[in-house]
């Protein structure tokens, strides 16, 4: 004998074709002061954490780059200070190594004399 109810339905007291009751009553409208948002939402905290992580990740390499640039500038300035005396000393050594070449005439003078 059948009762007209299906087994396994969530509400066996309802008959087929019977309409469901409203699930929830309509919400009462709340005033804006009754429900407030927190000053920091979860999205804002997550965004702040990601920006902070990115800044901390890049801080080390940027600092190393800046220190390297400063060291290059210092070495370049030191090299400029030491370079003119070094050039004169090297020029005198070369002239002493090649007899018969006038160091005041420059390097082309020796080449032109050898071609004659």
PDB file of N, CA and C in Angstrom:
ATOM      1  N   UNK A   1       0.813  -1.146   0.000  1.00  0.00           N
ATOM      2  CA  UNK A   1       0.000   0.000   0.000  1.00  0.00           C
ATOM      3  C   UNK A   1       0.884   1.246   0.000  1.00  0.00           C
ATOM      4  N   UNK A   2       0.503   2.155  -0.872  1.00  0.00           N
ATOM      5  CA  UNK A   2       1.290   3.380  -1.013  1.00  0.00           C
ATOM      6  C   UNK A   2       0.583   4.532  -0.333  1.00  0.00           C
ATOM      7  N   UNK A   3       1.421   5.395   0.269  1.00  0.00           N
ATOM      8  CA  UNK A   3       0.851   6.565   0.929  1.00  0.00           C
ATOM      9  C   UNK A   3       1.005   7.810   0.068  1.00  0.00           C
ATOM     10  N   UNK A   4       1.710   7.689  -1.031  1.00  0.00           N
ATOM     11  CA  UNK A   4       1.909   8.837  -1.903  1.00  0.00           C
ATOM     12  C   UNK A   4       3.137   9.652  -1.517  1.00  0.00           C
ATOM     13  N   UNK A   5       3.887   9.210  -0.528  1.00  0.00           N
ATOM     14  CA  UNK A   5       5.091   9.915  -0.106  1.00  0.00           C
ATOM     15  C   UNK A   5       6.313   9.143  -0.573  1.00  0.00           C
ATOM     16  N   UNK A   6       7.267   9.873  -0.996  1.00  0.00           N
ATOM     17  CA  UNK A   6       8.517   9.227  -1.410  1.00  0.00           C
ATOM     18  C   UNK A   6       9.425   9.089  -0.206  1.00  0.00           C
ATOM     19  N   UNK A   7      10.148   8.018  -0.196  1.00  0.00           N
ATOM     20  CA  UNK A   7      11.099   7.848   0.901  1.00  0.00           C
ATOM     21  C   UNK A   7      12.369   8.599   0.560  1.00  0.00           C
ATOM     22  N   UNK A   8      13.051   9.059   1.561  1.00  0.00           N
ATOM     23  CA  UNK A   8      14.309   9.755   1.354  1.00  0.00           C
ATOM     24  C   UNK A   8      14.147  11.241   1.104  1.00  0.00           C
ATOM     25  N   UNK A   9      12.936  11.757   1.173  1.00  0.00           N
ATOM     26  CA  UNK A   9      12.742  13.191   0.986  1.00  0.00           C
ATOM     27  C   UNK A   9      13.028  13.899   2.303  1.00  0.00           C
ATOM     28  N   UNK A  10      13.486  15.140   2.242  1.00  0.00           N
ATOM     29  CA  UNK A  10      13.841  15.814   3.482  1.00  0.00           C
ATOM     30  C   UNK A  10      12.653  16.087   4.392  1.00  0.00           C
ATOM     31  N   UNK A  11      11.487  16.329   3.832  1.00  0.00           N
ATOM     32  CA  UNK A  11      10.315  16.615   4.666  1.00  0.00           C
ATOM     33  C   UNK A  11       9.182  15.692   4.220  1.00  0.00           C
ATOM     34  N   UNK A  12       9.052  14.522   4.826  1.00  0.00           N
ATOM     35  CA  UNK A  12       8.052  13.553   4.352  1.00  0.00           C
ATOM     36  C   UNK A  12       6.603  13.951   4.655  1.00  0.00           C
ATOM     37  N   UNK A  13       6.354  14.974   5.429  1.00  0.00           N
ATOM     38  CA  UNK A  13       4.977  15.376   5.739  1.00  0.00           C
ATOM     39  C   UNK A  13       4.363  16.220   4.645  1.00  0.00           C
ATOM     40  N   UNK A  14       5.178  16.736   3.725  1.00  0.00           N
ATOM     41  CA  UNK A  14       4.648  17.562   2.651  1.00  0.00           C
ATOM     42  C   UNK A  14       4.121  16.673   1.534  1.00  0.00           C
ATOM     43  N   UNK A  15       3.045  17.058   0.936  1.00  0.00           N
ATOM     44  CA  UNK A  15       2.468  16.283  -0.153  1.00  0.00           C
ATOM     45  C   UNK A  15       3.001  16.770  -1.480  1.00  0.00           C
ATOM     46  N   UNK A  16       3.000  15.922  -2.510  1.00  0.00           N
ATOM     47  CA  UNK A  16       3.460  16.362  -3.823  1.00  0.00           C
ATOM     48  C   UNK A  16       2.575  17.484  -4.335  1.00  0.00           C
ATOM     49  N   UNK A  17       3.218  18.489  -4.923  1.00  0.00           N
ATOM     50  CA  UNK A  17       2.488  19.612  -5.468  1.00  0.00           C
ATOM     51  C   UNK A  17       2.240  20.715  -4.451  1.00  0.00           C
ATOM     52  N   UNK A  18       2.500  20.434  -3.197  1.00  0.00           N
ATOM     53  CA  UNK A  18       2.311  21.454  -2.173  1.00  0.00           C
ATOM     54  C   UNK A  18       3.474  22.437  -2.239  1.00  0.00           C
ATOM     55  N   UNK A  19       3.193  23.712  -2.152  1.00  0.00           N
ATOM     56  CA  UNK A  19       4.236  24.743  -2.248  1.00  0.00           C
ATOM     57  C   UNK A  19       4.996  24.841  -0.941  1.00  0.00           C
ATOM     58  N   UNK A  20       6.247  25.217  -1.104  1.00  0.00           N
ATOM     59  CA  UNK A  20       7.083  25.376   0.088  1.00  0.00           C
ATOM     60  C   UNK A  20       6.771  26.688   0.776  1.00  0.00           C
ATOM     61  N   UNK A  21       6.990  26.691   2.047  1.00  0.00           N
ATOM     62  CA  UNK A  21       6.835  27.928   2.816  1.00  0.00           C
ATOM     63  C   UNK A  21       8.072  28.791   2.567  1.00  0.00           C
ATOM     64  N   UNK A  22       7.958  30.047   2.814  1.00  0.00           N
ATOM     65  CA  UNK A  22       9.099  30.953   2.639  1.00  0.00           C
ATOM     66  C   UNK A  22      10.237  30.486   3.543  1.00  0.00           C
ATOM     67  N   UNK A  23      11.422  30.551   3.016  1.00  0.00           N
ATOM     68  CA  UNK A  23      12.566  30.049   3.789  1.00  0.00           C
ATOM     69  C   UNK A  23      12.868  30.926   4.997  1.00  0.00           C
ATOM     70  N   UNK A  24      12.934  32.206   4.759  1.00  0.00           N
ATOM     71  CA  UNK A  24      13.245  33.126   5.847  1.00  0.00           C
ATOM     72  C   UNK A  24      12.294  34.311   5.770  1.00  0.00           C
ATOM     73  N   UNK A  25      11.996  34.843   6.884  1.00  0.00           N
ATOM     74  CA  UNK A  25      11.198  36.070   6.827  1.00  0.00           C
ATOM     75  C   UNK A  25      12.079  37.192   6.297  1.00  0.00           C
ATOM     76  N   UNK A  26      11.450  38.179   5.704  1.00  0.00           N
ATOM     77  CA  UNK A  26      12.204  39.303   5.151  1.00  0.00           C
ATOM     78  C   UNK A  26      12.984  39.986   6.254  1.00  0.00           C
ATOM     79  N   UNK A  27      14.190  40.384   5.925  1.00  0.00           N
ATOM     80  CA  UNK A  27      15.044  41.052   6.906  1.00  0.00           C
ATOM     81  C   UNK A  27      14.523  42.442   7.209  1.00  0.00           C
ATOM     82  N   UNK A  28      14.562  42.794   8.450  1.00  0.00           N
ATOM     83  CA  UNK A  28      14.204  44.184   8.746  1.00  0.00           C
ATOM     84  C   UNK A  28      15.362  45.089   8.307  1.00  0.00           C
ATOM     85  N   UNK A  29      15.033  46.212   7.770  1.00  0.00           N
ATOM     86  CA  UNK A  29      16.089  47.124   7.326  1.00  0.00           C
ATOM     87  C   UNK A  29      16.768  47.714   8.543  1.00  0.00           C
ATOM     88  N   UNK A  30      18.089  47.727   8.495  1.00  0.00           N
ATOM     89  CA  UNK A  30      18.845  48.251   9.621  1.00  0.00           C
ATOM     90  C   UNK A  30      19.380  49.615   9.265  1.00  0.00           C
ATOM     91  N   UNK A  31      19.527  50.405  10.238  1.00  0.00           N
ATOM     92  CA  UNK A  31      20.096  51.735  10.008  1.00  0.00           C
ATOM     93  C   UNK A  31      21.603  51.599   9.831  1.00  0.00           C
ATOM     94  N   UNK A  32      22.239  52.535   9.133  1.00  0.00           N
ATOM     95  CA  UNK A  32      23.682  52.430   8.911  1.00  0.00           C
ATOM     96  C   UNK A  32      24.498  52.422  10.201  1.00  0.00           C
ATOM     97  N   UNK A  33      23.978  53.010  11.246  1.00  0.00           N
ATOM     98  CA  UNK A  33      24.739  53.031  12.497  1.00  0.00           C
ATOM     99  C   UNK A  33      24.637  51.716  13.250  1.00  0.00           C
ATOM    100  N   UNK A  34      23.605  50.937  12.961  1.00  0.00           N
ATOM    101  CA  UNK A  34      23.429  49.685  13.683  1.00  0.00           C
ATOM    102  C   UNK A  34      24.480  48.650  13.260  1.00  0.00           C
ATOM    103  N   UNK A  35      24.812  48.610  11.989  1.00  0.00           N
ATOM    104  CA  UNK A  35      25.799  47.637  11.509  1.00  0.00           C
ATOM    105  C   UNK A  35      26.956  48.401  10.888  1.00  0.00           C
ATOM    106  N   UNK A  36      28.115  48.335  11.519  1.00  0.00           N
ATOM    107  CA  UNK A  36      29.278  49.078  11.048  1.00  0.00           C
ATOM    108  C   UNK A  36      30.342  48.111  10.559  1.00  0.00           C
ATOM    109  N   UNK A  37      31.083  48.574   9.587  1.00  0.00           N
ATOM    110  CA  UNK A  37      32.228  47.796   9.119  1.00  0.00           C
ATOM    111  C   UNK A  37      33.400  48.012  10.060  1.00  0.00           C
ATOM    112  N   UNK A  38      34.227  47.003  10.218  1.00  0.00           N
ATOM    113  CA  UNK A  38      35.422  47.221  11.033  1.00  0.00           C
ATOM    114  C   UNK A  38      36.379  48.154  10.284  1.00  0.00           C
ATOM    115  N   UNK A  39      37.247  48.870  11.005  1.00  0.00           N
ATOM    116  CA  UNK A  39      38.161  49.815  10.336  1.00  0.00           C
ATOM    117  C   UNK A  39      39.103  49.133   9.352  1.00  0.00           C
ATOM    118  N   UNK A  40      39.527  47.923   9.651  1.00  0.00           N
ATOM    119  CA  UNK A  40      40.386  47.160   8.724  1.00  0.00           C
ATOM    120  C   UNK A  40      39.677  45.869   8.357  1.00  0.00           C
ATOM    121  N   UNK A  41      39.404  45.718   7.089  1.00  0.00           N
ATOM    122  CA  UNK A  41      38.774  44.483   6.629  1.00  0.00           C
ATOM    123  C   UNK A  41      39.850  43.442   6.371  1.00  0.00           C
ATOM    124  N   UNK A  42      39.439  42.245   6.155  1.00  0.00           N
ATOM    125  CA  UNK A  42      40.385  41.159   5.885  1.00  0.00           C
ATOM    126  C   UNK A  42      41.169  41.392   4.604  1.00  0.00           C
ATOM    127  N   UNK A  43      40.523  41.947   3.604  1.00  0.00           N
ATOM    128  CA  UNK A  43      41.217  42.228   2.340  1.00  0.00           C
ATOM    129  C   UNK A  43      42.299  43.278   2.527  1.00  0.00           C
ATOM    130  N   UNK A  44      41.994  44.299   3.322  1.00  0.00           N
ATOM    131  CA  UNK A  44      42.981  45.357   3.556  1.00  0.00           C
ATOM    132  C   UNK A  44      44.192  44.815   4.300  1.00  0.00           C
ATOM    133  N   UNK A  45      43.963  43.952   5.264  1.00  0.00           N
ATOM    134  CA  UNK A  45      45.071  43.361   6.017  1.00  0.00           C
ATOM    135  C   UNK A  45      45.906  42.480   5.101  1.00  0.00           C
ATOM    136  N   UNK A  46      45.269  41.708   4.259  1.00  0.00           N
ATOM    137  CA  UNK A  46      45.996  40.847   3.331  1.00  0.00           C
ATOM    138  C   UNK A  46      46.813  41.671   2.337  1.00  0.00           C
ATOM    139  N   UNK A  47      46.227  42.730   1.803  1.00  0.00           N
ATOM    140  CA  UNK A  47      46.944  43.592   0.876  1.00  0.00           C
ATOM    141  C   UNK A  47      48.146  44.242   1.551  1.00  0.00           C
ATOM    142  N   UNK A  48      47.966  44.717   2.778  1.00  0.00           N
ATOM    143  CA  UNK A  48      49.065  45.322   3.522  1.00  0.00           C
ATOM    144  C   UNK A  48      50.173  44.300   3.769  1.00  0.00           C
ATOM    145  N   UNK A  49      49.813  43.076   4.112  1.00  0.00           N
ATOM    146  CA  UNK A  49      50.815  42.032   4.356  1.00  0.00           C
ATOM    147  C   UNK A  49      51.603  41.708   3.092  1.00  0.00           C
ATOM    148  N   UNK A  50      50.935  41.668   1.951  1.00  0.00           N
ATOM    149  CA  UNK A  50      51.630  41.376   0.697  1.00  0.00           C
ATOM    150  C   UNK A  50      52.577  42.500   0.310  1.00  0.00           C
ATOM    151  N   UNK A  51      52.158  43.758   0.488  1.00  0.00           N
ATOM    152  CA  UNK A  51      53.025  44.899   0.185  1.00  0.00           C
ATOM    153  C   UNK A  51      54.235  44.897   1.115  1.00  0.00           C
ATOM    154  N   UNK A  52      54.019  44.601   2.377  1.00  0.00           N
ATOM    155  CA  UNK A  52      55.114  44.543   3.338  1.00  0.00           C
ATOM    156  C   UNK A  52      56.088  43.424   2.982  1.00  0.00           C
ATOM    157  N   UNK A  53      55.578  42.276   2.606  1.00  0.00           N
ATOM    158  CA  UNK A  53      56.434  41.157   2.203  1.00  0.00           C
ATOM    159  C   UNK A  53      57.262  41.522   0.977  1.00  0.00           C
ATOM    160  N   UNK A  54      56.648  42.162   0.007  1.00  0.00           N
ATOM    161  CA  UNK A  54      57.366  42.581  -1.192  1.00  0.00           C
ATOM    162  C   UNK A  54      58.466  43.582  -0.855  1.00  0.00           C
ATOM    163  N   UNK A  55      58.171  44.534   0.017  1.00  0.00           N
ATOM    164  CA  UNK A  55      59.166  45.541   0.406  1.00  0.00           C
ATOM    165  C   UNK A  55      60.339  44.892   1.135  1.00  0.00           C
ATOM    166  N   UNK A  56      60.048  43.970   2.022  1.00  0.00           N
ATOM    167  CA  UNK A  56      61.124  43.306   2.756  1.00  0.00           C
ATOM    168  C   UNK A  56      61.947  42.394   1.850  1.00  0.00           C
ATOM    169  N   UNK A  57      61.317  41.803   0.863  1.00  0.00           N
ATOM    170  CA  UNK A  57      62.033  40.936  -0.071  1.00  0.00           C
ATOM    171  C   UNK A  57      62.991  41.739  -0.940  1.00  0.00           C
ATOM    172  N   UNK A  58      62.587  42.924  -1.353  1.00  0.00           N
ATOM    173  CA  UNK A  58      63.422  43.741  -2.231  1.00  0.00           C
ATOM    174  C   UNK A  58      64.422  44.617  -1.486  1.00  0.00           C
ATOM    175  N   UNK A  59      64.267  44.772  -0.185  1.00  0.00           N
ATOM    176  CA  UNK A  59      65.134  45.682   0.569  1.00  0.00           C
ATOM    177  C   UNK A  59      66.592  45.244   0.525  1.00  0.00           C
ATOM    178  N   UNK A  60      66.871  43.967   0.693  1.00  0.00           N
ATOM    179  CA  UNK A  60      68.255  43.469   0.701  1.00  0.00           C
ATOM    180  C   UNK A  60      68.970  43.689  -0.620  1.00  0.00           C
ATOM    181  N   UNK A  61      68.417  43.221  -1.737  1.00  0.00           N
ATOM    182  CA  UNK A  61      69.091  43.432  -3.028  1.00  0.00           C
ATOM    183  C   UNK A  61      69.251  44.908  -3.398  1.00  0.00           C
ATOM    184  N   UNK A  62      68.277  45.737  -3.063  1.00  0.00           N
ATOM    185  CA  UNK A  62      68.388  47.165  -3.381  1.00  0.00           C
ATOM    186  C   UNK A  62      69.514  47.790  -2.562  1.00  0.00           C
ATOM    187  N   UNK A  63      69.631  47.393  -1.302  1.00  0.00           N
ATOM    188  CA  UNK A  63      70.704  47.915  -0.447  1.00  0.00           C
ATOM    189  C   UNK A  63      72.068  47.488  -0.990  1.00  0.00           C
ATOM    190  N   UNK A  64      72.196  46.231  -1.404  1.00  0.00           N
ATOM    191  CA  UNK A  64      73.460  45.757  -1.978  1.00  0.00           C
ATOM    192  C   UNK A  64      73.790  46.509  -3.263  1.00  0.00           C
ATOM    193  N   UNK A  65      72.805  46.769  -4.089  1.00  0.00           N
ATOM    194  CA  UNK A  65      73.031  47.501  -5.334  1.00  0.00           C
ATOM    195  C   UNK A  65      73.546  48.906  -5.034  1.00  0.00           C
ATOM    196  N   UNK A  66      72.904  49.584  -4.070  1.00  0.00           N
ATOM    197  CA  UNK A  66      73.315  50.941  -3.726  1.00  0.00           C
ATOM    198  C   UNK A  66      74.732  50.967  -3.158  1.00  0.00           C
ATOM    199  N   UNK A  67      75.067  49.992  -2.324  1.00  0.00           N
ATOM    200  CA  UNK A  67      76.423  49.926  -1.779  1.00  0.00           C
ATOM    201  C   UNK A  67      77.442  49.666  -2.887  1.00  0.00           C
ATOM    202  N   UNK A  68      77.097  48.817  -3.840  1.00  0.00           N
ATOM    203  CA  UNK A  68      77.984  48.542  -4.966  1.00  0.00           C
ATOM    204  C   UNK A  68      78.216  49.778  -5.818  1.00  0.00           C
ATOM    205  N   UNK A  69      77.161  50.539  -6.057  1.00  0.00           N
ATOM    206  CA  UNK A  69      77.306  51.764  -6.837  1.00  0.00           C
ATOM    207  C   UNK A  69      78.188  52.780  -6.111  1.00  0.00           C
ATOM    208  N   UNK A  70      78.045  52.847  -4.807  1.00  0.00           N
ATOM    209  CA  UNK A  70      78.876  53.762  -4.029  1.00  0.00           C
ATOM    210  C   UNK A  70      80.337  53.323  -4.070  1.00  0.00           C
ATOM    211  N   UNK A  71      80.578  52.026  -3.976  1.00  0.00           N
ATOM    212  CA  UNK A  71      81.952  51.522  -4.032  1.00  0.00           C
ATOM    213  C   UNK A  71      82.577  51.776  -5.401  1.00  0.00           C
ATOM    214  N   UNK A  72      81.807  51.610  -6.456  1.00  0.00           N
ATOM    215  CA  UNK A  72      82.315  51.883  -7.806  1.00  0.00           C
ATOM    216  C   UNK A  72      82.685  53.353  -7.935  1.00  0.00           C
ATOM    217  N   UNK A  73      81.856  54.236  -7.400  1.00  0.00           N
ATOM    218  CA  UNK A  73      82.148  55.674  -7.459  1.00  0.00           C
ATOM    219  C   UNK A  73      83.422  56.006  -6.682  1.00  0.00           C
ATOM    220  N   UNK A  74      83.587  55.390  -5.518  1.00  0.00           N
ATOM    221  CA  UNK A  74      84.794  55.638  -4.725  1.00  0.00           C
ATOM    222  C   UNK A  74      86.047  55.137  -5.448  1.00  0.00           C
ATOM    223  N   UNK A  75      85.972  53.945  -6.024  1.00  0.00           N
ATOM    224  CA  UNK A  75      87.129  53.395  -6.733  1.00  0.00           C
ATOM    225  C   UNK A  75      87.456  54.198  -7.980  1.00  0.00           C
ATOM    226  N   UNK A  76      86.450  54.702  -8.662  1.00  0.00           N
ATOM    227  CA  UNK A  76      86.678  55.536  -9.843  1.00  0.00           C
ATOM    228  C   UNK A  76      87.381  56.836  -9.449  1.00  0.00           C
ATOM    229  N   UNK A  77      86.932  57.454  -8.357  1.00  0.00           N
ATOM    230  CA  UNK A  77      87.570  58.690  -7.902  1.00  0.00           C
ATOM    231  C   UNK A  77      89.006  58.427  -7.464  1.00  0.00           C
ATOM    232  N   UNK A  78      89.220  57.322  -6.790  1.00  0.00           N
ATOM    233  CA  UNK A  78      90.577  56.963  -6.366  1.00  0.00           C
ATOM    234  C   UNK A  78      91.458  56.680  -7.569  1.00  0.00           C
ATOM    235  N   UNK A  79      90.906  56.034  -8.570  1.00  0.00           N
ATOM    236  CA  UNK A  79      91.674  55.751  -9.789  1.00  0.00           C
ATOM    237  C   UNK A  79      92.043  57.020 -10.532  1.00  0.00           C
ATOM    238  N   UNK A  80      91.151  57.987 -10.552  1.00  0.00           N
ATOM    239  CA  UNK A  80      91.469  59.269 -11.210  1.00  0.00           C
ATOM    240  C   UNK A  80      92.575  60.012 -10.482  1.00  0.00           C
ATOM    241  N   UNK A  81      92.579  59.915  -9.160  1.00  0.00           N
ATOM    242  CA  UNK A  81      93.646  60.565  -8.393  1.00  0.00           C
ATOM    243  C   UNK A  81      94.995  59.924  -8.659  1.00  0.00           C
ATOM    244  N   UNK A  82      95.015  58.631  -8.817  1.00  0.00           N
ATOM    245  CA  UNK A  82      96.283  57.909  -8.989  1.00  0.00           C
ATOM    246  C   UNK A  82      96.701  57.783 -10.450  1.00  0.00           C
ATOM    247  N   UNK A  83      95.818  58.021 -11.387  1.00  0.00           N
ATOM    248  CA  UNK A  83      96.109  57.752 -12.801  1.00  0.00           C
ATOM    249  C   UNK A  83      97.170  58.654 -13.420  1.00  0.00           C
ATOM    250  N   UNK A  84      97.158  59.967 -13.324  1.00  0.00           N
ATOM    251  CA  UNK A  84      98.183  60.777 -14.006  1.00  0.00           C
ATOM    252  C   UNK A  84      99.622  60.433 -13.602  1.00  0.00           C
ATOM    253  N   UNK A  85      99.954  60.268 -12.329  1.00  0.00           N
ATOM    254  CA  UNK A  85     101.329  59.862 -12.028  1.00  0.00           C
ATOM    255  C   UNK A  85     101.642  58.473 -12.584  1.00  0.00           C
ATOM    256  N   UNK A  86     100.662  57.609 -12.606  1.00  0.00           N
ATOM    257  CA  UNK A  86     100.883  56.273 -13.142  1.00  0.00           C
ATOM    258  C   UNK A  86     101.176  56.310 -14.622  1.00  0.00           C
ATOM    259  N   UNK A  87     100.497  57.146 -15.351  1.00  0.00           N
ATOM    260  CA  UNK A  87     100.757  57.263 -16.793  1.00  0.00           C
ATOM    261  C   UNK A  87     102.163  57.779 -17.052  1.00  0.00           C
ATOM    262  N   UNK A  88     102.588  58.760 -16.283  1.00  0.00           N
ATOM    263  CA  UNK A  88     103.941  59.301 -16.481  1.00  0.00           C
ATOM    264  C   UNK A  88     104.982  58.240 -16.176  1.00  0.00           C
ATOM    265  N   UNK A  89     104.759  57.477 -15.124  1.00  0.00           N
ATOM    266  CA  UNK A  89     105.726  56.438 -14.755  1.00  0.00           C
ATOM    267  C   UNK A  89     105.768  55.349 -15.822  1.00  0.00           C
ATOM    268  N   UNK A  90     104.630  54.966 -16.353  1.00  0.00           N
ATOM    269  CA  UNK A  90     104.622  53.937 -17.394  1.00  0.00           C
ATOM    270  C   UNK A  90     105.288  54.438 -18.664  1.00  0.00           C
ATOM    271  N   UNK A  91     105.047  55.701 -19.000  1.00  0.00           N
ATOM    272  CA  UNK A  91     105.674  56.258 -20.197  1.00  0.00           C
ATOM    273  C   UNK A  91     107.189  56.288 -20.073  1.00  0.00           C
ATOM    274  N   UNK A  92     107.716  56.615 -18.891  1.00  0.00           N
ATOM    275  CA  UNK A  92     109.165  56.645 -18.674  1.00  0.00           C
ATOM    276  C   UNK A  92     109.737  55.239 -18.746  1.00  0.00           C
ATOM    277  N   UNK A  93     109.016  54.257 -18.233  1.00  0.00           N
ATOM    278  CA  UNK A  93     109.499  52.876 -18.288  1.00  0.00           C
ATOM    279  C   UNK A  93     109.562  52.387 -19.724  1.00  0.00           C
ATOM    280  N   UNK A  94     108.593  52.712 -20.513  1.00  0.00           N
ATOM    281  CA  UNK A  94     108.589  52.281 -21.920  1.00  0.00           C
ATOM    282  C   UNK A  94     109.724  52.942 -22.693  1.00  0.00           C
ATOM    283  N   UNK A  95     109.948  54.192 -22.432  1.00  0.00           N
ATOM    284  CA  UNK A  95     111.019  54.900 -23.141  1.00  0.00           C
ATOM    285  C   UNK A  95     112.376  54.308 -22.780  1.00  0.00           C
ATOM    286  N   UNK A  96     112.549  53.919 -21.537  1.00  0.00           N
ATOM    287  CA  UNK A  96     113.818  53.315 -21.126  1.00  0.00           C
ATOM    288  C   UNK A  96     113.976  51.940 -21.738  1.00  0.00           C
ATOM    289  N   UNK A  97     112.886  51.240 -21.988  1.00  0.00           N
ATOM    290  CA  UNK A  97     112.959  49.900 -22.561  1.00  0.00           C
ATOM    291  C   UNK A  97     113.283  49.934 -24.043  1.00  0.00           C
ATOM    292  N   UNK A  98     113.026  51.053 -24.751  1.00  0.00           N
ATOM    293  CA  UNK A  98     113.302  51.140 -26.193  1.00  0.00           C
ATOM    294  C   UNK A  98     114.343  52.234 -26.435  1.00  0.00           C
ATOM    295  N   UNK A  99     115.562  51.878 -26.572  1.00  0.00           N
ATOM    296  CA  UNK A  99     116.577  52.892 -26.835  1.00  0.00           C
ATOM    297  C   UNK A  99     116.441  53.458 -28.239  1.00  0.00           C
ATOM    298  N   UNK A 100     116.759  54.702 -28.387  1.00  0.00           N
ATOM    299  CA  UNK A 100     116.714  55.350 -29.691  1.00  0.00           C
ATOM    300  C   UNK A 100     115.374  55.963 -30.023  1.00  0.00           C
ATOM    301  N   UNK A 101     114.387  55.826 -29.153  1.00  0.00           N
ATOM    302  CA  UNK A 101     113.073  56.399 -29.401  1.00  0.00           C
ATOM    303  C   UNK A 101     112.918  57.602 -28.486  1.00  0.00           C
ATOM    304  N   UNK A 102     112.583  58.725 -29.073  1.00  0.00           N
ATOM    305  CA  UNK A 102     112.397  59.951 -28.305  1.00  0.00           C
ATOM    306  C   UNK A 102     111.007  59.918 -27.672  1.00  0.00           C
ATOM    307  N   UNK A 103     110.917  59.858 -26.325  1.00  0.00           N
ATOM    308  CA  UNK A 103     109.595  59.779 -25.712  1.00  0.00           C
ATOM    309  C   UNK A 103     108.769  61.033 -25.951  1.00  0.00           C
ATOM    310  N   UNK A 104     109.371  62.155 -26.209  1.00  0.00           N
ATOM    311  CA  UNK A 104     108.622  63.380 -26.455  1.00  0.00           C
ATOM    312  C   UNK A 104     107.972  63.361 -27.828  1.00  0.00           C
ATOM    313  N   UNK A 105     108.521  62.577 -28.779  1.00  0.00           N
ATOM    314  CA  UNK A 105     107.977  62.522 -30.130  1.00  0.00           C
ATOM    315  C   UNK A 105     106.700  61.703 -30.198  1.00  0.00           C
ATOM    316  N   UNK A 106     106.478  60.854 -29.238  1.00  0.00           N
ATOM    317  CA  UNK A 106     105.258  60.066 -29.208  1.00  0.00           C
ATOM    318  C   UNK A 106     105.436  58.709 -29.857  1.00  0.00           C
ATOM    319  N   UNK A 107     104.468  57.882 -29.796  1.00  0.00           N
ATOM    320  CA  UNK A 107     104.588  56.514 -30.312  1.00  0.00           C
ATOM    321  C   UNK A 107     104.604  56.437 -31.832  1.00  0.00           C
ATOM    322  N   UNK A 108     104.033  57.379 -32.534  1.00  0.00           N
ATOM    323  CA  UNK A 108     104.009  57.304 -33.984  1.00  0.00           C
ATOM    324  C   UNK A 108     105.365  57.599 -34.595  1.00  0.00           C
ATOM    325  N   UNK A 109     106.182  58.391 -33.917  1.00  0.00           N
ATOM    326  CA  UNK A 109     107.494  58.761 -34.454  1.00  0.00           C
ATOM    327  C   UNK A 109     108.355  57.521 -34.642  1.00  0.00           C
ATOM    328  N   UNK A 110     108.344  56.594 -33.711  1.00  0.00           N
ATOM    329  CA  UNK A 110     109.147  55.376 -33.835  1.00  0.00           C
ATOM    330  C   UNK A 110     108.628  54.536 -35.006  1.00  0.00           C
ATOM    331  N   UNK A 111     107.332  54.486 -35.178  1.00  0.00           N
ATOM    332  CA  UNK A 111     106.746  53.706 -36.270  1.00  0.00           C
ATOM    333  C   UNK A 111     107.118  54.297 -37.627  1.00  0.00           C
ATOM    334  N   UNK A 112     107.103  55.613 -37.729  1.00  0.00           N
ATOM    335  CA  UNK A 112     107.444  56.265 -39.001  1.00  0.00           C
ATOM    336  C   UNK A 112     108.933  56.113 -39.318  1.00  0.00           C
ATOM    337  N   UNK A 113     109.798  56.137 -38.311  1.00  0.00           N
ATOM    338  CA  UNK A 113     111.228  55.933 -38.555  1.00  0.00           C
ATOM    339  C   UNK A 113     111.507  54.514 -39.010  1.00  0.00           C
ATOM    340  N   UNK A 114     110.788  53.540 -38.487  1.00  0.00           N
ATOM    341  CA  UNK A 114     111.025  52.162 -38.880  1.00  0.00           C
ATOM    342  C   UNK A 114     110.555  51.908 -40.298  1.00  0.00           C
ATOM    343  N   UNK A 115     109.584  52.649 -40.789  1.00  0.00           N
ATOM    344  CA  UNK A 115     109.060  52.448 -42.137  1.00  0.00           C
ATOM    345  C   UNK A 115     109.981  53.025 -43.181  1.00  0.00           C
ATOM    346  N   UNK A 116     110.871  53.980 -42.865  1.00  0.00           N
ATOM    347  CA  UNK A 116     111.763  54.600 -43.851  1.00  0.00           C
ATOM    348  C   UNK A 116     112.796  53.689 -44.300  1.00  0.00           C
TER     349      UNK A 116
END
